């Protein structure tokens, strides 16, 4: 889809995304303050409307990681940059794939992120993938030299999860 833009990058990105545009909420730039940020990200995660967010190239990876933590790895998003310019780009991903992409490609330009609505159904497979992802991270940190407790504490803060839940990911393996 090629969208002929008007004066608003948010609407141009929304129309180009292919994500449901019948109802949406515009959030602009997400605040850096953790309490306000976490509340807003939770609202986006639970919203049954499409969400539109702006982000700078310096903070795009942090935002995508935070979105993955609250929305899950398989939430569909569209990322647009440099709209109406020579290097315009519109990309559609699952959140996990977007993080992989921007970990390998230097982010350039201002970004407009379209997050698909929460369909209200928590996918069991998505939950299993998230647990496996956390378990792999925990094992890697322990192999790198951190204690089980320190690695669990670090991941709990990083992914905004209870420490004991992460700590038990390996305990479960030891029992089986």
Foldseek 3Di string as FASTA:
>chain_A
DQFDDDPDPQVRLVVVQPADDPFEDEDEAQDPPVVSNLVVLLCQQAFQHKYKYKDALVCPLVVLLQNCLRNFQQWKKWKWFPPPDPPTDIDIDRSVVVNVVCVVDRDDGMIMMITHGDPPDDDPVRVVVVLVVLQVQLVVVVVVPDDLQVSLVVVCVSSVHDSVVSSCSVVVVVVD
